[in-house]
C-alpha cells in the first residue's frame, strides 16, 4: 500500500464528498430544472430581440409586443439584482433571506421563468 500525505487524504475525501453530492438524485433534478428554466429565459431574450429589431426598422409595436419587452426588461433587472447579491460576502445566505422575506410580503425577486 502506497503512503500518502494527510493533505492528499483530505483532498481525496473532499473530492469523494463533492462527487457523491453531485450524483445525488435530488441535485440532478434541481440542476436539470435550472437548465430548463435558463433555456426558457434565453428563448425569451431571442423573442424580445426580434421585437426590438422590428421596432428599430420603424415598424409599430403592438401592445402585446410592448408588454413582452417590458416583462423581459423586468426579468433582466431581477437577474442583475440576484447576481449583485450573490457577489456579496455571504450572498447566497442573503439571497435566501430576501426570497423568504419577499414571499412573506408577496414580493417576487425571481425572473418569470423561475416563478
N, C-alpha and C. Protein backbone atom coordinates (compact mmCIF):
# COMPACT_ATOMS: atom_id res chain seq x y z
N UNK A 1 0.85 -1.18 0.00
CA UNK A 1 0.00 0.00 0.00
C UNK A 1 0.89 1.24 0.00
N UNK A 2 0.56 2.17 -0.83
CA UNK A 2 1.35 3.39 -1.01
C UNK A 2 1.00 4.42 0.06
N UNK A 3 2.00 5.06 0.61
CA UNK A 3 1.79 6.08 1.64
C UNK A 3 1.40 7.40 0.98
N UNK A 4 0.42 8.06 1.56
CA UNK A 4 0.02 9.38 1.06
C UNK A 4 0.03 10.37 2.22
N UNK A 5 0.18 11.62 1.86
CA UNK A 5 0.21 12.64 2.90
C UNK A 5 -1.21 12.89 3.44
N UNK A 6 -1.26 13.53 4.57
CA UNK A 6 -2.55 13.86 5.18
C UNK A 6 -3.36 14.78 4.28
N UNK A 7 -2.72 15.77 3.64
CA UNK A 7 -3.40 16.70 2.73
C UNK A 7 -3.99 15.96 1.53
N UNK A 8 -3.24 15.02 0.98
CA UNK A 8 -3.76 14.22 -0.14
C UNK A 8 -4.98 13.42 0.30
N UNK A 9 -4.91 12.88 1.51
CA UNK A 9 -6.04 12.13 2.06
C UNK A 9 -7.28 13.02 2.17
N UNK A 10 -7.09 14.24 2.70
CA UNK A 10 -8.21 15.17 2.84
C UNK A 10 -8.76 15.57 1.47
N UNK A 11 -7.90 15.81 0.51
CA UNK A 11 -8.35 16.18 -0.83
C UNK A 11 -9.17 15.07 -1.47
N UNK A 12 -8.71 13.82 -1.28
CA UNK A 12 -9.47 12.69 -1.82
C UNK A 12 -10.84 12.61 -1.17
N UNK A 13 -10.90 12.84 0.14
CA UNK A 13 -12.18 12.81 0.85
C UNK A 13 -13.11 13.90 0.33
N UNK A 14 -12.57 15.11 0.13
CA UNK A 14 -13.38 16.23 -0.37
C UNK A 14 -13.92 15.91 -1.75
N UNK A 15 -13.05 15.40 -2.63
CA UNK A 15 -13.48 15.08 -3.99
C UNK A 15 -14.57 14.02 -3.97
N UNK A 16 -14.41 13.02 -3.09
CA UNK A 16 -15.42 11.97 -2.98
C UNK A 16 -16.75 12.56 -2.52
N UNK A 17 -16.71 13.44 -1.50
CA UNK A 17 -17.94 14.04 -0.99
C UNK A 17 -18.61 14.89 -2.06
N UNK A 18 -17.82 15.70 -2.76
CA UNK A 18 -18.38 16.55 -3.81
C UNK A 18 -19.03 15.70 -4.89
N UNK A 19 -18.34 14.63 -5.32
CA UNK A 19 -18.90 13.76 -6.36
C UNK A 19 -20.16 13.08 -5.86
N UNK A 20 -20.17 12.64 -4.61
CA UNK A 20 -21.35 11.98 -4.05
C UNK A 20 -22.53 12.95 -4.00
N UNK A 21 -22.27 14.21 -3.66
CA UNK A 21 -23.34 15.22 -3.62
C UNK A 21 -23.88 15.47 -5.02
N UNK A 22 -22.97 15.61 -5.98
CA UNK A 22 -23.40 15.89 -7.36
C UNK A 22 -24.17 14.72 -7.97
N UNK A 23 -23.87 13.51 -7.52
CA UNK A 23 -24.55 12.34 -8.05
C UNK A 23 -25.91 12.10 -7.40
N UNK A 24 -26.21 12.82 -6.33
CA UNK A 24 -27.47 12.61 -5.63
C UNK A 24 -28.64 12.97 -6.56
N UNK A 25 -29.68 12.14 -6.59
CA UNK A 25 -30.80 12.37 -7.50
C UNK A 25 -31.49 13.72 -7.32
N UNK A 26 -31.61 14.19 -6.07
CA UNK A 26 -32.32 15.46 -5.89
C UNK A 26 -31.52 16.61 -6.50
N UNK A 27 -30.19 16.55 -6.46
CA UNK A 27 -29.39 17.61 -7.06
C UNK A 27 -29.43 17.53 -8.59
N UNK A 28 -29.45 16.31 -9.11
CA UNK A 28 -29.56 16.16 -10.56
C UNK A 28 -30.88 16.77 -11.05
N UNK A 29 -31.94 16.53 -10.31
CA UNK A 29 -33.24 17.08 -10.69
C UNK A 29 -33.23 18.60 -10.62
N UNK A 30 -32.59 19.15 -9.58
CA UNK A 30 -32.53 20.61 -9.44
C UNK A 30 -31.70 21.24 -10.55
N UNK A 31 -30.59 20.61 -10.89
CA UNK A 31 -29.75 21.13 -11.97
C UNK A 31 -30.51 21.07 -13.29
N UNK A 32 -31.21 19.97 -13.54
CA UNK A 32 -31.98 19.83 -14.77
C UNK A 32 -33.09 20.89 -14.83
N UNK A 33 -33.75 21.13 -13.70
CA UNK A 33 -34.79 22.14 -13.63
C UNK A 33 -34.21 23.53 -13.90
N UNK A 34 -33.06 23.82 -13.29
CA UNK A 34 -32.41 25.12 -13.50
C UNK A 34 -32.06 25.31 -14.97
N UNK A 35 -31.48 24.29 -15.60
CA UNK A 35 -31.09 24.40 -17.00
C UNK A 35 -32.30 24.57 -17.92
N UNK A 36 -33.40 23.91 -17.59
CA UNK A 36 -34.63 24.06 -18.37
C UNK A 36 -35.14 25.50 -18.28
N UNK A 37 -35.14 26.06 -17.08
CA UNK A 37 -35.61 27.43 -16.89
C UNK A 37 -34.67 28.43 -17.54
N UNK A 38 -33.38 28.17 -17.48
CA UNK A 38 -32.41 29.07 -18.12
C UNK A 38 -32.60 29.05 -19.63
N UNK A 39 -32.86 27.87 -20.19
CA UNK A 39 -33.11 27.74 -21.62
C UNK A 39 -34.36 28.52 -22.01
N UNK A 40 -35.38 28.45 -21.18
CA UNK A 40 -36.61 29.20 -21.44
C UNK A 40 -36.33 30.70 -21.42
N UNK A 41 -35.51 31.13 -20.48
CA UNK A 41 -35.18 32.56 -20.38
C UNK A 41 -34.43 33.04 -21.61
N UNK A 42 -33.52 32.22 -22.11
CA UNK A 42 -32.77 32.56 -23.33
C UNK A 42 -33.73 32.67 -24.51
N UNK A 43 -34.70 31.78 -24.57
CA UNK A 43 -35.71 31.84 -25.64
C UNK A 43 -36.49 33.15 -25.58
N UNK A 44 -36.78 33.60 -24.36
CA UNK A 44 -37.49 34.88 -24.21
C UNK A 44 -36.62 36.04 -24.67
N UNK A 45 -35.32 35.97 -24.41
CA UNK A 45 -34.41 37.03 -24.87
C UNK A 45 -34.41 37.10 -26.40
N UNK A 46 -34.39 35.94 -27.04
CA UNK A 46 -34.40 35.90 -28.50
C UNK A 46 -35.68 36.52 -29.05
N UNK A 47 -36.79 36.18 -28.43
CA UNK A 47 -38.09 36.70 -28.86
C UNK A 47 -38.12 38.23 -28.75
N UNK A 48 -37.60 38.76 -27.65
CA UNK A 48 -37.56 40.21 -27.45
C UNK A 48 -36.60 40.85 -28.45
N UNK A 49 -35.52 40.16 -28.77
CA UNK A 49 -34.58 40.67 -29.77
C UNK A 49 -35.26 40.88 -31.12
N UNK A 50 -36.10 39.94 -31.50
CA UNK A 50 -36.85 40.07 -32.76
C UNK A 50 -37.80 41.27 -32.70
N UNK A 51 -38.45 41.44 -31.56
CA UNK A 51 -39.38 42.56 -31.40
C UNK A 51 -38.62 43.90 -31.47
N UNK A 52 -37.47 43.97 -30.81
CA UNK A 52 -36.69 45.22 -30.83
C UNK A 52 -36.15 45.51 -32.22
N UNK A 53 -35.80 44.47 -32.95
CA UNK A 53 -35.34 44.65 -34.33
C UNK A 53 -36.47 45.22 -35.19
N UNK A 54 -37.67 44.71 -34.96
CA UNK A 54 -38.83 45.21 -35.68
C UNK A 54 -39.05 46.70 -35.38
N UNK A 55 -38.89 47.08 -34.11
CA UNK A 55 -39.05 48.48 -33.73
C UNK A 55 -37.96 49.35 -34.34
N UNK A 56 -36.73 48.82 -34.39
CA UNK A 56 -35.61 49.58 -34.95
C UNK A 56 -35.80 49.83 -36.44
N UNK A 57 -36.51 48.93 -37.10
CA UNK A 57 -36.77 49.10 -38.54
C UNK A 57 -37.92 50.06 -38.80
N UNK A 58 -38.51 50.59 -37.73
CA UNK A 58 -39.56 51.59 -37.89
C UNK A 58 -40.97 51.05 -37.86
N UNK A 59 -41.12 49.76 -37.62
CA UNK A 59 -42.47 49.17 -37.54
C UNK A 59 -43.10 49.50 -36.20
N UNK A 60 -44.41 49.66 -36.21
CA UNK A 60 -45.13 49.96 -34.98
C UNK A 60 -45.30 48.67 -34.17
N UNK A 61 -45.11 48.77 -32.86
CA UNK A 61 -45.24 47.61 -31.98
C UNK A 61 -46.65 47.53 -31.41
N UNK A 62 -47.14 46.30 -31.29
CA UNK A 62 -48.45 46.10 -30.68
C UNK A 62 -48.32 46.20 -29.16
N UNK A 63 -49.46 46.29 -28.48
CA UNK A 63 -49.45 46.34 -27.02
C UNK A 63 -48.85 45.06 -26.44
N UNK A 64 -49.12 43.94 -27.10
CA UNK A 64 -48.57 42.66 -26.64
C UNK A 64 -47.04 42.66 -26.75
N UNK A 65 -46.52 43.20 -27.85
CA UNK A 65 -45.07 43.28 -28.03
C UNK A 65 -44.44 44.17 -26.96
N UNK A 66 -45.05 45.30 -26.69
CA UNK A 66 -44.54 46.22 -25.67
C UNK A 66 -44.57 45.55 -24.30
N UNK A 67 -45.63 44.80 -24.03
CA UNK A 67 -45.74 44.08 -22.76
C UNK A 67 -44.62 43.04 -22.62
N UNK A 68 -44.34 42.29 -23.71
CA UNK A 68 -43.28 41.28 -23.67
C UNK A 68 -41.92 41.91 -23.40
N UNK A 69 -41.65 43.03 -24.07
CA UNK A 69 -40.37 43.72 -23.87
C UNK A 69 -40.26 44.22 -22.44
N UNK A 70 -41.34 44.79 -21.92
CA UNK A 70 -41.34 45.30 -20.54
C UNK A 70 -41.10 44.17 -19.54
N UNK A 71 -41.79 43.05 -19.72
CA UNK A 71 -41.62 41.91 -18.81
C UNK A 71 -40.19 41.38 -18.87
N UNK A 72 -39.62 41.34 -20.06
CA UNK A 72 -38.25 40.83 -20.18
C UNK A 72 -37.25 41.79 -19.55
N UNK A 73 -37.50 43.09 -19.67
CA UNK A 73 -36.64 44.08 -19.02
C UNK A 73 -36.69 43.91 -17.50
N UNK A 74 -37.88 43.69 -16.97
CA UNK A 74 -38.03 43.47 -15.52
C UNK A 74 -37.27 42.20 -15.11
N UNK A 75 -37.39 41.12 -15.91
CA UNK A 75 -36.67 39.88 -15.61
C UNK A 75 -35.16 40.10 -15.64
N UNK A 76 -34.69 40.90 -16.59
CA UNK A 76 -33.26 41.19 -16.70
C UNK A 76 -32.77 41.95 -15.47
N UNK A 77 -33.56 42.91 -15.03
CA UNK A 77 -33.20 43.67 -13.83
C UNK A 77 -33.18 42.76 -12.59
N UNK A 78 -34.13 41.84 -12.52
CA UNK A 78 -34.16 40.89 -11.40
C UNK A 78 -32.91 40.01 -11.41
N UNK A 79 -32.52 39.53 -12.60
CA UNK A 79 -31.32 38.69 -12.70
C UNK A 79 -30.08 39.48 -12.29
N UNK A 80 -30.01 40.74 -12.71
CA UNK A 80 -28.88 41.59 -12.32
C UNK A 80 -28.83 41.79 -10.82
N UNK A 81 -29.98 41.98 -10.22
CA UNK A 81 -30.05 42.16 -8.77
C UNK A 81 -29.60 40.89 -8.04
N UNK A 82 -30.04 39.75 -8.52
CA UNK A 82 -29.64 38.48 -7.90
C UNK A 82 -28.14 38.30 -8.03
N UNK A 83 -27.60 38.60 -9.21
CA UNK A 83 -26.15 38.48 -9.41
C UNK A 83 -25.38 39.39 -8.49
N UNK A 84 -25.88 40.60 -8.30
CA UNK A 84 -25.23 41.55 -7.40
C UNK A 84 -25.23 41.04 -5.97
N UNK A 85 -26.34 40.50 -5.53
CA UNK A 85 -26.42 39.97 -4.17
C UNK A 85 -25.48 38.78 -4.00
N UNK A 86 -25.39 37.92 -5.01
CA UNK A 86 -24.55 36.74 -4.90
C UNK A 86 -23.06 37.08 -4.85
N UNK A 87 -22.67 38.24 -5.37
CA UNK A 87 -21.27 38.66 -5.33
C UNK A 87 -20.86 39.05 -3.91
N UNK A 88 -21.80 39.52 -3.13
CA UNK A 88 -21.51 39.97 -1.76
C UNK A 88 -21.03 38.82 -0.89
N UNK A 89 -20.24 39.13 0.15
CA UNK A 89 -19.90 38.08 1.11
C UNK A 89 -21.19 37.53 1.74
N UNK A 90 -21.27 36.23 1.84
CA UNK A 90 -22.46 35.54 2.35
C UNK A 90 -23.69 35.84 1.47
N UNK A 91 -23.46 36.08 0.19
CA UNK A 91 -24.53 36.45 -0.72
C UNK A 91 -25.61 35.40 -0.87
N UNK A 92 -25.22 34.13 -0.87
CA UNK A 92 -26.24 33.08 -1.01
C UNK A 92 -27.18 33.06 0.18
N UNK A 93 -26.64 33.34 1.36
CA UNK A 93 -27.49 33.38 2.57
C UNK A 93 -28.41 34.60 2.50
N UNK A 94 -27.85 35.73 2.09
CA UNK A 94 -28.65 36.96 1.95
C UNK A 94 -29.77 36.75 0.94
N UNK A 95 -29.44 36.07 -0.18
CA UNK A 95 -30.45 35.83 -1.22
C UNK A 95 -31.60 34.97 -0.68
N UNK A 96 -31.26 33.94 0.05
CA UNK A 96 -32.30 33.07 0.64
C UNK A 96 -33.19 33.89 1.57
N UNK A 97 -32.57 34.73 2.39
CA UNK A 97 -33.36 35.57 3.30
C UNK A 97 -34.25 36.54 2.53
N UNK A 98 -33.71 37.16 1.48
CA UNK A 98 -34.52 38.07 0.66
C UNK A 98 -35.71 37.35 0.03
N UNK A 99 -35.48 36.14 -0.46
CA UNK A 99 -36.57 35.39 -1.08
C UNK A 99 -37.64 35.02 -0.06
N UNK A 100 -37.22 34.65 1.14
CA UNK A 100 -38.20 34.32 2.19
C UNK A 100 -38.98 35.55 2.63
N UNK A 101 -38.29 36.66 2.80
CA UNK A 101 -38.97 37.91 3.17
C UNK A 101 -39.91 38.35 2.04
N UNK A 102 -39.45 38.23 0.82
CA UNK A 102 -40.29 38.58 -0.32
C UNK A 102 -41.54 37.74 -0.39
N UNK A 103 -41.40 36.45 -0.11
CA UNK A 103 -42.57 35.56 -0.11
C UNK A 103 -43.57 35.99 0.95
N UNK A 104 -43.05 36.39 2.10
CA UNK A 104 -43.91 36.81 3.21
C UNK A 104 -44.73 38.05 2.84
N UNK A 105 -44.10 38.98 2.11
CA UNK A 105 -44.77 40.23 1.74
C UNK A 105 -45.27 40.23 0.29
N UNK A 106 -45.35 39.07 -0.31
CA UNK A 106 -45.86 38.89 -1.66
C UNK A 106 -45.04 39.68 -2.70
N UNK A 107 -43.71 39.66 -2.54
CA UNK A 107 -42.80 40.28 -3.50
C UNK A 107 -42.03 39.17 -4.20
N UNK A 108 -41.90 39.28 -5.50
CA UNK A 108 -41.22 38.24 -6.26
C UNK A 108 -39.91 38.79 -6.81
N UNK A 109 -38.79 38.26 -6.33
CA UNK A 109 -37.48 38.70 -6.78
C UNK A 109 -36.91 37.84 -7.89
N UNK A 110 -37.61 36.76 -8.25
CA UNK A 110 -37.11 35.85 -9.27
C UNK A 110 -37.70 36.18 -10.64
N UNK A 111 -36.96 35.93 -11.71
CA UNK A 111 -37.50 36.14 -13.06
C UNK A 111 -38.71 35.23 -13.30
N UNK A 112 -39.49 35.57 -14.30
CA UNK A 112 -40.74 34.83 -14.56
C UNK A 112 -40.50 33.34 -14.81
N UNK A 113 -39.39 32.96 -15.40
CA UNK A 113 -39.11 31.55 -15.66
C UNK A 113 -38.95 30.75 -14.37
N UNK A 114 -38.49 31.41 -13.31
CA UNK A 114 -38.24 30.74 -12.04
C UNK A 114 -39.44 30.84 -11.09
N UNK A 115 -40.44 31.56 -11.46
CA UNK A 115 -41.59 31.75 -10.56
C UNK A 115 -42.57 30.61 -10.67
